[in-house]
Amino acid sequence: MSKDEISQAKTLLRDQYRRQRADSFINDSWLHIITATEIIGKQSIASYVSYGVEPSTEDLNQKLIADGIHIYLPRTLKNNDLEWVLWDGNPKNLKKVGKVFEPIGAAVEPQLDVIIVPALHIDQSGNRLGQGGGSYDRALAKSNAWKIALVHPGEITSDSLPVTEFDQRVNAAATPSTIIRFAG
């Protein structure tokens, strides 16, 4: 497939997966991921503030902060790259930018142990289909952290997702009931 064909295939899949997610949305918890051996004992975790029908990160972020873990949230730069800001869990330290909430404060360059990422779908190889800006792919490429994507039930597919050389795989995906780790 050419880059244009891959891009077009991804756009069609995003539209399909967004509709499916909206039609079958349930508000659930991904709190169980804090028991993953890759997370236990870690002190520096990047997460995100979910919105709409994304898997909810609210209770997860608050529990990690309550446990004394440093939580870093992404802020999108003009070039669509991400920078990280330490967040204290206070909603007053968030600012709505478009559809998402981003942290207020100085950007830092933390040594991240874990990165929790959003995804629309994940395939059996750990390829994730995101929203299409490439922000997370560029951020994941710069980090050796353990990467886990949060998805709803039914959003892990046995079909291979279209990928380019810029797409970054995750180490695991979590639904509300399980964590699936990917080889490699």
N, C-alpha and C. Protein backbone atom coordinates (compact mmCIF):
# COMPACT_ATOMS: atom_id res chain seq x y z
N MET A 1 0.83 -1.19 0.00
CA MET A 1 0.00 0.00 0.00
C MET A 1 0.87 1.25 0.00
N SER A 2 0.46 2.25 -0.74
CA SER A 2 1.17 3.53 -0.73
C SER A 2 0.81 4.30 0.54
N LYS A 3 1.58 5.34 0.83
CA LYS A 3 1.29 6.17 2.01
C LYS A 3 -0.10 6.78 1.91
N ASP A 4 -0.49 7.21 0.71
CA ASP A 4 -1.83 7.79 0.53
C ASP A 4 -2.92 6.76 0.77
N GLU A 5 -2.71 5.53 0.31
CA GLU A 5 -3.70 4.47 0.53
C GLU A 5 -3.80 4.11 2.01
N ILE A 6 -2.66 4.08 2.69
CA ILE A 6 -2.67 3.81 4.13
C ILE A 6 -3.40 4.92 4.87
N SER A 7 -3.12 6.16 4.51
CA SER A 7 -3.78 7.31 5.14
C SER A 7 -5.29 7.25 4.93
N GLN A 8 -5.71 6.93 3.72
CA GLN A 8 -7.14 6.84 3.42
C GLN A 8 -7.79 5.69 4.19
N ALA A 9 -7.10 4.55 4.27
CA ALA A 9 -7.63 3.41 5.02
C ALA A 9 -7.78 3.76 6.50
N LYS A 10 -6.80 4.46 7.05
CA LYS A 10 -6.88 4.86 8.45
C LYS A 10 -8.04 5.82 8.69
N THR A 11 -8.25 6.75 7.78
CA THR A 11 -9.35 7.71 7.91
C THR A 11 -10.69 6.97 7.93
N LEU A 12 -10.87 6.01 7.03
CA LEU A 12 -12.11 5.24 6.99
C LEU A 12 -12.30 4.43 8.27
N LEU A 13 -11.22 3.82 8.75
CA LEU A 13 -11.32 3.04 9.99
C LEU A 13 -11.63 3.94 11.18
N ARG A 14 -11.01 5.12 11.25
CA ARG A 14 -11.30 6.04 12.35
C ARG A 14 -12.78 6.40 12.38
N ASP A 15 -13.33 6.72 11.23
CA ASP A 15 -14.76 7.05 11.17
C ASP A 15 -15.61 5.88 11.65
N GLN A 16 -15.30 4.69 11.18
CA GLN A 16 -16.04 3.49 11.57
C GLN A 16 -15.92 3.23 13.06
N TYR A 17 -14.70 3.29 13.60
CA TYR A 17 -14.48 2.99 15.01
C TYR A 17 -15.07 4.06 15.93
N ARG A 18 -15.06 5.30 15.50
CA ARG A 18 -15.69 6.36 16.30
C ARG A 18 -17.20 6.13 16.40
N ARG A 19 -17.83 5.77 15.29
CA ARG A 19 -19.28 5.48 15.31
C ARG A 19 -19.58 4.29 16.21
N GLN A 20 -18.79 3.22 16.06
CA GLN A 20 -19.01 2.03 16.89
C GLN A 20 -18.84 2.35 18.37
N ARG A 21 -17.83 3.14 18.69
CA ARG A 21 -17.58 3.50 20.08
C ARG A 21 -18.75 4.32 20.64
N ALA A 22 -19.22 5.28 19.88
CA ALA A 22 -20.33 6.11 20.33
C ALA A 22 -21.60 5.28 20.53
N ASP A 23 -21.82 4.31 19.66
CA ASP A 23 -23.02 3.47 19.74
C ASP A 23 -22.99 2.49 20.91
N SER A 24 -21.80 2.10 21.35
CA SER A 24 -21.71 1.07 22.38
C SER A 24 -21.04 1.54 23.66
N PHE A 25 -20.92 2.85 23.83
CA PHE A 25 -20.21 3.40 24.99
C PHE A 25 -20.81 2.97 26.31
N ILE A 26 -19.93 2.55 27.21
CA ILE A 26 -20.29 2.31 28.61
C ILE A 26 -19.24 3.01 29.46
N ASN A 27 -19.65 3.61 30.53
CA ASN A 27 -18.71 4.26 31.43
C ASN A 27 -18.19 3.21 32.38
N ASP A 28 -16.90 2.94 32.32
CA ASP A 28 -16.32 1.88 33.11
C ASP A 28 -15.02 2.37 33.73
N SER A 29 -14.31 1.48 34.40
CA SER A 29 -13.07 1.84 35.07
C SER A 29 -11.91 0.99 34.55
N TRP A 30 -10.77 1.63 34.46
CA TRP A 30 -9.53 0.95 34.07
C TRP A 30 -8.57 0.93 35.26
N LEU A 31 -9.12 1.08 36.46
CA LEU A 31 -8.32 1.15 37.67
C LEU A 31 -7.48 -0.11 37.90
N HIS A 32 -7.92 -1.23 37.38
CA HIS A 32 -7.21 -2.49 37.59
C HIS A 32 -5.79 -2.47 37.02
N ILE A 33 -5.48 -1.55 36.11
CA ILE A 33 -4.14 -1.58 35.52
C ILE A 33 -3.05 -1.24 36.53
N ILE A 34 -3.43 -0.60 37.65
CA ILE A 34 -2.39 -0.26 38.64
C ILE A 34 -1.80 -1.50 39.30
N THR A 35 -2.42 -2.65 39.10
CA THR A 35 -1.88 -3.90 39.66
C THR A 35 -0.94 -4.60 38.67
N ALA A 36 -0.75 -4.03 37.49
CA ALA A 36 0.18 -4.62 36.52
C ALA A 36 1.60 -4.55 37.06
N THR A 37 2.35 -5.61 36.89
CA THR A 37 3.72 -5.64 37.39
C THR A 37 4.56 -4.51 36.78
N GLU A 38 4.23 -4.09 35.58
CA GLU A 38 4.97 -3.02 34.91
C GLU A 38 4.66 -1.64 35.51
N ILE A 39 3.61 -1.55 36.32
CA ILE A 39 3.22 -0.28 36.94
C ILE A 39 3.54 -0.25 38.43
N ILE A 40 3.45 -1.39 39.09
CA ILE A 40 3.71 -1.45 40.53
C ILE A 40 5.11 -0.91 40.82
N GLY A 41 5.19 0.02 41.75
CA GLY A 41 6.46 0.58 42.18
C GLY A 41 7.01 1.69 41.31
N LYS A 42 6.32 2.00 40.23
CA LYS A 42 6.80 3.08 39.35
C LYS A 42 6.37 4.42 39.92
N GLN A 43 7.17 5.46 39.67
CA GLN A 43 6.90 6.76 40.26
C GLN A 43 6.59 7.85 39.25
N SER A 44 6.80 7.58 37.97
CA SER A 44 6.65 8.61 36.94
C SER A 44 5.82 8.07 35.79
N ILE A 45 4.54 8.47 35.75
CA ILE A 45 3.61 7.93 34.77
C ILE A 45 2.95 9.06 34.00
N ALA A 46 2.95 8.93 32.68
CA ALA A 46 2.21 9.86 31.83
C ALA A 46 0.83 9.28 31.58
N SER A 47 -0.16 10.11 31.66
CA SER A 47 -1.54 9.70 31.40
C SER A 47 -2.18 10.79 30.55
N TYR A 48 -3.48 10.83 30.52
CA TYR A 48 -4.21 11.85 29.78
C TYR A 48 -5.55 12.06 30.45
N VAL A 49 -6.20 13.14 30.14
CA VAL A 49 -7.55 13.40 30.64
C VAL A 49 -8.50 13.01 29.52
N SER A 50 -9.28 11.98 29.77
CA SER A 50 -10.20 11.48 28.74
C SER A 50 -11.36 12.45 28.52
N TYR A 51 -11.95 12.35 27.35
CA TYR A 51 -13.12 13.17 27.04
C TYR A 51 -14.11 12.35 26.21
N GLY A 52 -15.34 12.79 26.20
CA GLY A 52 -16.36 12.13 25.36
C GLY A 52 -16.50 10.66 25.71
N VAL A 53 -16.42 9.82 24.68
CA VAL A 53 -16.61 8.38 24.84
C VAL A 53 -15.29 7.62 24.92
N GLU A 54 -14.20 8.33 25.22
CA GLU A 54 -12.93 7.65 25.45
C GLU A 54 -13.01 6.87 26.75
N PRO A 55 -12.17 5.84 26.90
CA PRO A 55 -12.06 5.18 28.20
C PRO A 55 -11.72 6.21 29.28
N SER A 56 -12.46 6.19 30.37
CA SER A 56 -12.31 7.20 31.41
C SER A 56 -11.00 7.01 32.18
N THR A 57 -10.28 8.11 32.32
CA THR A 57 -9.03 8.09 33.11
C THR A 57 -9.20 8.79 34.46
N GLU A 58 -10.39 9.29 34.75
CA GLU A 58 -10.58 10.12 35.95
C GLU A 58 -10.19 9.39 37.23
N ASP A 59 -10.80 8.23 37.50
CA ASP A 59 -10.49 7.53 38.75
C ASP A 59 -9.07 6.98 38.74
N LEU A 60 -8.58 6.57 37.59
CA LEU A 60 -7.22 6.06 37.47
C LEU A 60 -6.19 7.14 37.81
N ASN A 61 -6.33 8.30 37.20
CA ASN A 61 -5.40 9.40 37.48
C ASN A 61 -5.43 9.80 38.95
N GLN A 62 -6.64 9.92 39.52
CA GLN A 62 -6.76 10.32 40.93
C GLN A 62 -6.15 9.28 41.87
N LYS A 63 -6.33 8.01 41.57
CA LYS A 63 -5.77 6.94 42.42
C LYS A 63 -4.25 6.95 42.35
N LEU A 64 -3.71 7.11 41.16
CA LEU A 64 -2.25 7.15 41.03
C LEU A 64 -1.67 8.32 41.81
N ILE A 65 -2.30 9.48 41.71
CA ILE A 65 -1.83 10.66 42.46
C ILE A 65 -1.95 10.42 43.96
N ALA A 66 -3.07 9.84 44.39
CA ALA A 66 -3.27 9.55 45.82
C ALA A 66 -2.21 8.57 46.33
N ASP A 67 -1.72 7.71 45.45
CA ASP A 67 -0.68 6.75 45.82
C ASP A 67 0.73 7.35 45.77
N GLY A 68 0.82 8.65 45.51
CA GLY A 68 2.10 9.33 45.52
C GLY A 68 2.88 9.26 44.22
N ILE A 69 2.23 8.86 43.16
CA ILE A 69 2.89 8.76 41.86
C ILE A 69 2.81 10.10 41.14
N HIS A 70 3.88 10.47 40.49
CA HIS A 70 3.90 11.71 39.70
C HIS A 70 3.19 11.44 38.38
N ILE A 71 2.13 12.20 38.13
CA ILE A 71 1.36 12.06 36.89
C ILE A 71 1.67 13.24 35.98
N TYR A 72 2.02 12.91 34.76
CA TYR A 72 2.31 13.92 33.74
C TYR A 72 1.24 13.83 32.67
N LEU A 73 0.68 14.98 32.33
CA LEU A 73 -0.34 15.04 31.29
C LEU A 73 0.24 15.72 30.06
N PRO A 74 -0.28 15.36 28.88
CA PRO A 74 0.23 15.97 27.65
C PRO A 74 -0.40 17.32 27.37
N ARG A 75 0.39 18.16 26.75
CA ARG A 75 -0.11 19.42 26.21
C ARG A 75 0.39 19.47 24.76
N THR A 76 -0.52 19.79 23.85
CA THR A 76 -0.18 19.80 22.43
C THR A 76 0.40 21.14 22.02
N LEU A 77 1.53 21.07 21.36
CA LEU A 77 2.19 22.27 20.83
C LEU A 77 1.63 22.62 19.45
N LYS A 78 2.00 23.78 18.94
CA LYS A 78 1.51 24.22 17.63
C LYS A 78 1.86 23.25 16.51
N ASN A 79 2.98 22.53 16.62
CA ASN A 79 3.38 21.57 15.59
C ASN A 79 2.78 20.18 15.83
N ASN A 80 1.85 20.07 16.77
CA ASN A 80 1.17 18.83 17.13
C ASN A 80 2.02 17.87 17.96
N ASP A 81 3.24 18.26 18.33
CA ASP A 81 4.03 17.45 19.26
C ASP A 81 3.44 17.60 20.66
N LEU A 82 3.79 16.68 21.53
CA LEU A 82 3.33 16.74 22.92
C LEU A 82 4.47 17.17 23.82
N GLU A 83 4.11 17.94 24.86
CA GLU A 83 5.02 18.21 25.96
C GLU A 83 4.30 17.75 27.22
N TRP A 84 5.07 17.45 28.26
CA TRP A 84 4.51 16.90 29.49
C TRP A 84 4.53 17.93 30.61
N VAL A 85 3.45 17.94 31.39
CA VAL A 85 3.31 18.84 32.53
C VAL A 85 2.91 18.00 33.75
N LEU A 86 3.63 18.19 34.85
CA LEU A 86 3.28 17.51 36.10
C LEU A 86 1.93 18.02 36.57
N TRP A 87 1.02 17.11 36.91
CA TRP A 87 -0.33 17.49 37.32
C TRP A 87 -0.59 17.00 38.74
N ASP A 88 -1.22 17.86 39.53
CA ASP A 88 -1.50 17.53 40.94
C ASP A 88 -2.88 16.93 41.17
N GLY A 89 -3.65 16.73 40.11
CA GLY A 89 -4.98 16.15 40.25
C GLY A 89 -6.09 17.15 40.40
N ASN A 90 -5.74 18.42 40.53
CA ASN A 90 -6.75 19.47 40.71
C ASN A 90 -7.31 19.88 39.34
N PRO A 91 -8.63 19.73 39.14
CA PRO A 91 -9.24 20.13 37.87
C PRO A 91 -9.05 21.61 37.54
N LYS A 92 -8.80 22.43 38.57
CA LYS A 92 -8.56 23.86 38.33
C LYS A 92 -7.25 24.10 37.57
N ASN A 93 -6.39 23.08 37.57
CA ASN A 93 -5.11 23.19 36.87
C ASN A 93 -5.18 22.57 35.47
N LEU A 94 -6.39 22.55 34.93
CA LEU A 94 -6.63 22.10 33.56
C LEU A 94 -7.30 23.22 32.78
N LYS A 95 -7.04 23.27 31.50
CA LYS A 95 -7.63 24.27 30.62
C LYS A 95 -8.20 23.56 29.41
N LYS A 96 -9.43 23.89 29.04
CA LYS A 96 -10.05 23.26 27.88
C LYS A 96 -9.48 23.86 26.60
N VAL A 97 -8.97 22.98 25.75
CA VAL A 97 -8.42 23.37 24.46
C VAL A 97 -9.12 22.50 23.42
N GLY A 98 -10.04 23.09 22.67
CA GLY A 98 -10.84 22.29 21.75
C GLY A 98 -11.72 21.34 22.54
N LYS A 99 -11.59 20.04 22.26
CA LYS A 99 -12.38 19.02 22.95
C LYS A 99 -11.71 18.49 24.21
N VAL A 100 -10.42 18.77 24.37
CA VAL A 100 -9.65 18.13 25.44
C VAL A 100 -9.27 19.11 26.54
N PHE A 101 -8.96 18.56 27.69
CA PHE A 101 -8.42 19.34 28.79
C PHE A 101 -6.92 19.11 28.84
N GLU A 102 -6.18 20.22 28.93
CA GLU A 102 -4.73 20.16 29.00
C GLU A 102 -4.26 20.80 30.29
N PRO A 103 -3.11 20.36 30.80
CA PRO A 103 -2.61 20.90 32.06
C PRO A 103 -2.06 22.31 31.91
N ILE A 104 -2.17 23.05 33.00
CA ILE A 104 -1.60 24.39 33.09
C ILE A 104 -0.30 24.23 33.88
N GLY A 105 0.73 24.91 33.45
CA GLY A 105 1.99 24.86 34.18
C GLY A 105 3.17 24.73 33.24
N ALA A 106 4.34 24.64 33.84
CA ALA A 106 5.58 24.56 33.08
C ALA A 106 5.78 23.15 32.53
N ALA A 107 6.21 23.08 31.29
CA ALA A 107 6.54 21.79 30.69
C ALA A 107 7.85 21.28 31.28
N VAL A 108 7.93 19.97 31.40
CA VAL A 108 9.14 19.32 31.91
C VAL A 108 9.48 18.16 30.97
N GLU A 109 10.67 17.62 31.14
CA GLU A 109 11.08 16.45 30.37
C GLU A 109 11.34 15.31 31.35
N PRO A 110 10.27 14.65 31.80
CA PRO A 110 10.43 13.61 32.82
C PRO A 110 11.00 12.32 32.24
N GLN A 111 11.63 11.54 33.11
CA GLN A 111 12.01 10.18 32.78
C GLN A 111 10.78 9.33 33.09
N LEU A 112 10.00 9.01 32.09
CA LEU A 112 8.75 8.30 32.31
C LEU A 112 8.97 6.80 32.43
N ASP A 113 8.29 6.20 33.40
CA ASP A 113 8.32 4.74 33.57
C ASP A 113 7.21 4.08 32.74
N VAL A 114 6.07 4.76 32.65
CA VAL A 114 4.88 4.23 31.98
C VAL A 114 4.20 5.37 31.23
N ILE A 115 3.67 5.05 30.06
CA ILE A 115 2.84 6.01 29.33
C ILE A 115 1.50 5.33 29.05
N ILE A 116 0.43 5.93 29.56
CA ILE A 116 -0.93 5.47 29.31
C ILE A 116 -1.46 6.30 28.15
N VAL A 117 -1.86 5.62 27.07
CA VAL A 117 -2.25 6.35 25.86
C VAL A 117 -3.68 6.01 25.44
N PRO A 118 -4.33 6.97 24.79
CA PRO A 118 -5.65 6.69 24.22
C PRO A 118 -5.49 5.95 22.89
N ALA A 119 -6.52 5.24 22.50
CA ALA A 119 -6.53 4.55 21.20
C ALA A 119 -7.97 4.31 20.80
N LEU A 120 -8.21 4.31 19.51
CA LEU A 120 -9.52 3.92 18.99
C LEU A 120 -9.61 2.41 18.81
N HIS A 121 -8.50 1.81 18.45
CA HIS A 121 -8.44 0.37 18.22
C HIS A 121 -6.99 -0.08 18.34
N ILE A 122 -6.82 -1.35 18.66
CA ILE A 122 -5.49 -1.97 18.77
C ILE A 122 -5.57 -3.31 18.04
N ASP A 123 -4.47 -3.66 17.32
CA ASP A 123 -4.46 -4.99 16.72
C ASP A 123 -3.61 -5.95 17.56
N GLN A 124 -3.57 -7.20 17.17
CA GLN A 124 -2.90 -8.25 17.95
C GLN A 124 -1.38 -8.08 18.02
N SER A 125 -0.83 -7.16 17.24
CA SER A 125 0.60 -6.89 17.28
C SER A 125 0.95 -5.68 18.14
N GLY A 126 -0.08 -5.01 18.66
CA GLY A 126 0.15 -3.81 19.48
C GLY A 126 0.15 -2.52 18.68
N ASN A 127 -0.26 -2.59 17.42
CA ASN A 127 -0.40 -1.36 16.64
C ASN A 127 -1.67 -0.66 17.08
N ARG A 128 -1.58 0.64 17.31
CA ARG A 128 -2.75 1.39 17.75
C ARG A 128 -3.17 2.37 16.68
N LEU A 129 -4.48 2.52 16.59
CA LEU A 129 -5.04 3.55 15.72
C LEU A 129 -5.51 4.66 16.64
N GLY A 130 -4.87 5.82 16.50
CA GLY A 130 -5.23 6.97 17.32
C GLY A 130 -6.15 7.91 16.57
N GLN A 131 -6.15 9.17 16.98
CA GLN A 131 -7.06 10.15 16.38
C GLN A 131 -6.54 10.72 15.07
N GLY A 132 -5.27 10.50 14.76
CA GLY A 132 -4.79 10.90 13.44
C GLY A 132 -3.79 12.02 13.38
N GLY A 133 -3.44 12.63 14.50
CA GLY A 133 -2.50 13.74 14.45
C GLY A 133 -1.04 13.31 14.52
N GLY A 134 -0.77 12.09 14.97
CA GLY A 134 0.59 11.61 15.09
C GLY A 134 1.30 12.07 16.35
N SER A 135 0.62 12.85 17.20
CA SER A 135 1.25 13.40 18.40
C SER A 135 1.79 12.30 19.31
N TYR A 136 0.96 11.32 19.59
CA TYR A 136 1.40 10.25 20.49
C TYR A 136 2.48 9.39 19.85
N ASP A 137 2.39 9.14 18.55
CA ASP A 137 3.44 8.35 17.90
C ASP A 137 4.79 9.02 18.06
N ARG A 138 4.85 10.33 17.87
CA ARG A 138 6.12 11.04 18.03
C ARG A 138 6.59 10.99 19.48
N ALA A 139 5.68 11.14 20.43
CA ALA A 139 6.05 11.09 21.85
C ALA A 139 6.50 9.67 22.25
N LEU A 140 5.81 8.66 21.78
CA LEU A 140 6.17 7.28 22.12
C LEU A 140 7.53 6.91 21.54
N ALA A 141 7.85 7.44 20.37
CA ALA A 141 9.13 7.14 19.73
C ALA A 141 10.31 7.66 20.54
N LYS A 142 10.08 8.67 21.36
CA LYS A 142 11.15 9.29 22.15
C LYS A 142 11.33 8.64 23.52
N SER A 143 10.54 7.64 23.84
CA SER A 143 10.54 7.11 25.21
C SER A 143 10.75 5.61 25.25
N ASN A 144 11.47 5.17 26.28
CA ASN A 144 11.64 3.73 26.54
C ASN A 144 10.64 3.24 27.58
N ALA A 145 9.69 4.07 27.95
CA ALA A 145 8.69 3.70 28.96
C ALA A 145 7.83 2.53 28.47
N TRP A 146 7.21 1.84 29.42
CA TRP A 146 6.23 0.81 29.09
C TRP A 146 4.96 1.53 28.65
N LYS A 147 4.42 1.15 27.50
CA LYS A 147 3.30 1.86 26.89
C LYS A 147 2.06 0.98 26.89
N ILE A 148 0.97 1.52 27.48
CA ILE A 148 -0.29 0.78 27.54
C ILE A 148 -1.41 1.67 27.03
N ALA A 149 -2.22 1.11 26.13
CA ALA A 149 -3.36 1.84 25.57
C ALA A 149 -4.64 1.37 26.25
N LEU A 150 -5.55 2.32 26.48
CA LEU A 150 -6.85 2.01 27.07
C LEU A 150 -7.88 1.95 25.95
N VAL A 151 -8.64 0.85 25.91
CA VAL A 151 -9.69 0.67 24.91
C VAL A 151 -10.91 0.04 25.55
N HIS A 152 -12.04 0.22 24.91
CA HIS A 152 -13.27 -0.42 25.35
C HIS A 152 -13.30 -1.88 24.90
N PRO A 153 -14.15 -2.71 25.52
CA PRO A 153 -14.30 -4.09 25.05
C PRO A 153 -14.65 -4.08 23.56
N GLY A 154 -14.08 -5.00 22.83
CA GLY A 154 -14.35 -5.11 21.40
C GLY A 154 -13.47 -4.22 20.54
N GLU A 155 -12.55 -3.47 21.15
CA GLU A 155 -11.71 -2.57 20.36
C GLU A 155 -10.29 -3.12 20.17
N ILE A 156 -10.11 -4.38 20.49
CA ILE A 156 -8.87 -5.08 20.13
C ILE A 156 -9.26 -6.04 19.02
N THR A 157 -8.62 -5.88 17.87
CA THR A 157 -9.02 -6.62 16.69
C THR A 157 -7.99 -7.67 16.28
N SER A 158 -8.48 -8.74 15.69
CA SER A 158 -7.57 -9.76 15.15
C SER A 158 -7.09 -9.36 13.76
N ASP A 159 -7.75 -8.38 13.15
CA ASP A 159 -7.31 -7.86 11.85
C ASP A 159 -6.13 -6.92 12.05
N SER A 160 -5.17 -6.97 11.14
CA SER A 160 -4.04 -6.05 11.20
C SER A 160 -4.49 -4.65 10.81
N LEU A 161 -4.06 -3.67 11.59
CA LEU A 161 -4.35 -2.28 11.26
C LEU A 161 -3.31 -1.77 10.25
N PRO A 162 -3.70 -0.84 9.38
CA PRO A 162 -2.71 -0.27 8.47
C PRO A 162 -1.72 0.59 9.25
N VAL A 163 -0.44 0.44 8.94
CA VAL A 163 0.60 1.19 9.65
C VAL A 163 1.61 1.77 8.67
N THR A 164 2.26 2.83 9.12
CA THR A 164 3.38 3.41 8.40
C THR A 164 4.62 3.26 9.26
N GLU A 165 5.76 3.67 8.74
CA GLU A 165 7.00 3.57 9.51
C GLU A 165 7.01 4.50 10.72
N PHE A 166 6.09 5.46 10.78
CA PHE A 166 6.04 6.40 11.91
C PHE A 166 5.17 5.91 13.06
N ASP A 167 4.30 4.93 12.81
CA ASP A 167 3.40 4.42 13.84
C ASP A 167 4.18 3.65 14.89
N GLN A 168 3.87 3.91 16.15
CA GLN A 168 4.54 3.27 17.28
C GLN A 168 3.62 2.25 17.94
N ARG A 169 4.15 1.07 18.18
CA ARG A 169 3.39 0.03 18.85
C ARG A 169 3.36 0.29 20.36
N VAL A 170 2.34 -0.24 21.01
CA VAL A 170 2.28 -0.22 22.46
C VAL A 170 2.65 -1.61 22.98
N ASN A 171 3.05 -1.66 24.25
CA ASN A 171 3.42 -2.93 24.86
C ASN A 171 2.21 -3.72 25.33
N ALA A 172 1.11 -2.99 25.60
CA ALA A 172 -0.09 -3.64 26.13
C ALA A 172 -1.32 -2.80 25.84
N ALA A 173 -2.46 -3.45 25.93
CA ALA A 173 -3.75 -2.76 25.83
C ALA A 173 -4.61 -3.24 26.99
N ALA A 174 -5.41 -2.32 27.53
CA ALA A 174 -6.28 -2.68 28.66
C ALA A 174 -7.72 -2.37 28.30
N THR A 175 -8.58 -3.33 28.59
CA THR A 175 -10.03 -3.13 28.58
C THR A 175 -10.42 -2.99 30.05
N PRO A 176 -11.69 -2.77 30.36
CA PRO A 176 -12.07 -2.67 31.77
C PRO A 176 -11.85 -3.96 32.57
N SER A 177 -11.65 -5.08 31.88
CA SER A 177 -11.52 -6.34 32.61
C SER A 177 -10.18 -7.05 32.47
N THR A 178 -9.35 -6.63 31.52
CA THR A 178 -8.11 -7.37 31.29
C THR A 178 -7.00 -6.49 30.73
N ILE A 179 -5.80 -7.01 30.83
CA ILE A 179 -4.63 -6.41 30.20
C ILE A 179 -4.07 -7.44 29.25
N ILE A 180 -3.86 -7.04 28.01
CA ILE A 180 -3.26 -7.91 27.01
C ILE A 180 -1.89 -7.36 26.67
N ARG A 181 -0.87 -8.18 26.86
CA ARG A 181 0.50 -7.78 26.56
C ARG A 181 0.86 -8.32 25.18
N PHE A 182 1.63 -7.53 24.43
CA PHE A 182 2.01 -7.91 23.09
C PHE A 182 3.47 -8.32 23.05
N ALA A 183 3.77 -9.34 22.27
CA ALA A 183 5.15 -9.82 22.12
C ALA A 183 5.98 -8.77 21.40
N GLY A 184 7.25 -8.78 21.69
CA GLY A 184 8.16 -7.87 20.96
C GLY A 184 8.51 -6.75 21.75
